[in-house]
Amino acid sequence: QATCLDEVNGYTCVCQEGFTGTHCETDIDECLSQACFKQSTCTDVINGYYCTCMDGYTGVHCDIDIDECQSLPCLHNSTCEDRINGYYCNCSLGYMGVICQEG
């Protein structure tokens, strides 16, 4: 909803946030600022936007890499290497398998 200001021989519209144009008819596309990171999808809404993150990322702007090693998936004192949307276990000597479960 815009506010109309009467002027001599005309008028001016004062737009609410998120709109522009002579008659405030244009919704400003906040996604044009490229606020979303890591190949995420930006969806414009009135006076804002939201990001839909690709797998492996989180956060308002999808700029946080999810650490899949936090759950300690690797067994037998193996080390975990975080990767995008996954992890890799460096197995301790004598163990093998995706999570070093075979020994």
Protein backbone atom coordinates (compact mmCIF):
# COMPACT_ATOMS: atom_id res chain seq x y z
CA GLN A 1 0.00 0.00 0.00
CA ALA A 2 1.48 3.31 -1.12
CA THR A 3 1.01 6.82 0.21
CA CYS A 4 -0.03 9.46 -2.31
CA LEU A 5 1.35 12.99 -1.87
CA ASP A 6 -0.66 15.72 -3.61
CA GLU A 7 1.47 18.22 -5.50
CA VAL A 8 0.74 21.20 -7.70
CA ASN A 9 -0.44 19.80 -11.01
CA GLY A 10 0.38 16.18 -10.05
CA TYR A 11 1.19 13.70 -7.32
CA THR A 12 3.99 11.49 -6.02
CA CYS A 13 3.65 7.98 -4.62
CA VAL A 14 5.70 7.02 -1.57
CA CYS A 15 6.13 3.24 -1.77
CA GLN A 16 6.13 0.79 1.12
CA GLU A 17 9.34 -1.22 1.52
CA GLY A 18 9.85 -3.82 -1.17
CA PHE A 19 8.10 -1.86 -3.94
CA THR A 20 9.16 0.74 -6.50
CA GLY A 21 7.85 2.47 -9.61
CA THR A 22 5.76 5.54 -10.39
CA HIS A 23 2.69 3.94 -8.83
CA CYS A 24 4.58 1.45 -6.58
CA GLU A 25 3.54 -1.30 -8.95
CA THR A 26 6.88 -3.14 -9.09
CA ASP A 27 7.95 -5.67 -6.47
CA ILE A 28 11.70 -5.25 -5.89
CA ASP A 29 13.48 -8.57 -6.56
CA GLU A 30 15.79 -8.95 -3.56
CA CYS A 31 17.31 -12.05 -5.19
CA LEU A 32 19.14 -9.81 -7.67
CA SER A 33 21.59 -8.98 -4.87
CA GLN A 34 22.71 -12.64 -5.00
CA ALA A 35 22.21 -13.05 -1.27
CA CYS A 36 22.16 -16.86 -1.46
CA PHE A 37 25.46 -18.75 -1.74
CA LYS A 38 26.72 -22.14 -2.98
CA GLN A 39 24.41 -22.57 -5.98
CA SER A 40 21.33 -22.39 -3.77
CA THR A 41 17.97 -21.20 -5.08
CA CYS A 42 16.70 -17.74 -4.13
CA THR A 43 12.95 -17.12 -3.92
CA ASP A 44 11.78 -13.51 -3.88
CA VAL A 45 8.93 -12.61 -1.53
CA ILE A 46 7.45 -9.19 -0.79
CA ASN A 47 10.16 -7.13 0.90
CA GLY A 48 12.54 -10.08 1.27
CA TYR A 49 13.71 -13.47 0.04
CA TYR A 50 14.55 -16.95 1.26
CA CYS A 51 17.22 -19.39 0.18
CA THR A 52 16.73 -23.09 -0.55
CA CYS A 53 20.11 -24.71 0.07
CA MET A 54 21.68 -27.41 -2.07
CA ASP A 55 22.50 -30.64 -0.21
CA GLY A 56 25.38 -30.27 2.23
CA TYR A 57 24.80 -26.59 3.08
CA THR A 58 22.67 -24.75 5.64
CA GLY A 59 22.12 -21.27 7.04
CA VAL A 60 19.97 -18.31 6.06
CA HIS A 61 22.21 -17.66 3.04
CA CYS A 62 23.30 -21.31 2.54
CA ASP A 63 26.86 -20.30 3.38
CA ILE A 64 27.52 -22.93 6.08
CA ASP A 65 28.98 -26.32 5.07
CA ILE A 66 27.30 -29.02 7.18
CA ASP A 67 29.97 -31.01 9.04
CA GLU A 68 28.91 -34.63 8.49
CA CYS A 69 31.77 -35.73 10.77
CA GLN A 70 30.04 -34.26 13.84
CA SER A 71 28.10 -37.49 14.34
CA LEU A 72 31.42 -39.42 14.57
CA PRO A 73 30.50 -41.96 11.86
CA CYS A 74 33.95 -43.56 11.55
CA LEU A 75 34.63 -46.57 13.79
CA HIS A 76 37.75 -47.95 15.50
CA ASN A 77 39.56 -44.63 16.15
CA SER A 78 39.53 -43.78 12.46
CA THR A 79 39.65 -40.15 11.38
CA CYS A 80 36.79 -38.46 9.57
CA GLU A 81 37.28 -36.04 6.68
CA ASP A 82 34.30 -33.73 6.05
CA ARG A 83 33.26 -33.33 2.43
CA ILE A 84 30.45 -31.49 0.68
CA ASN A 85 27.27 -33.44 1.54
CA GLY A 86 29.27 -36.36 2.91
CA TYR A 87 32.45 -37.57 4.60
CA TYR A 88 35.37 -39.94 4.14
CA CYS A 89 36.79 -42.23 6.81
CA ASN A 90 40.56 -42.69 6.95
CA CYS A 91 40.62 -46.13 8.53
CA SER A 92 43.01 -47.16 11.27
CA LEU A 93 45.49 -49.89 10.39
CA GLY A 94 43.71 -53.23 10.01
CA TYR A 95 40.25 -51.81 9.27
CA MET A 96 38.38 -51.07 6.06
CA GLY A 97 34.91 -50.29 4.76
CA VAL A 98 32.91 -47.10 4.33
CA ILE A 99 32.92 -46.44 8.10
CA CYS A 100 35.91 -48.70 8.88
CA GLN A 101 33.55 -51.36 10.17
CA GLU A 102 35.42 -54.38 8.74
CA GLY A 103 38.53 -55.61 10.45
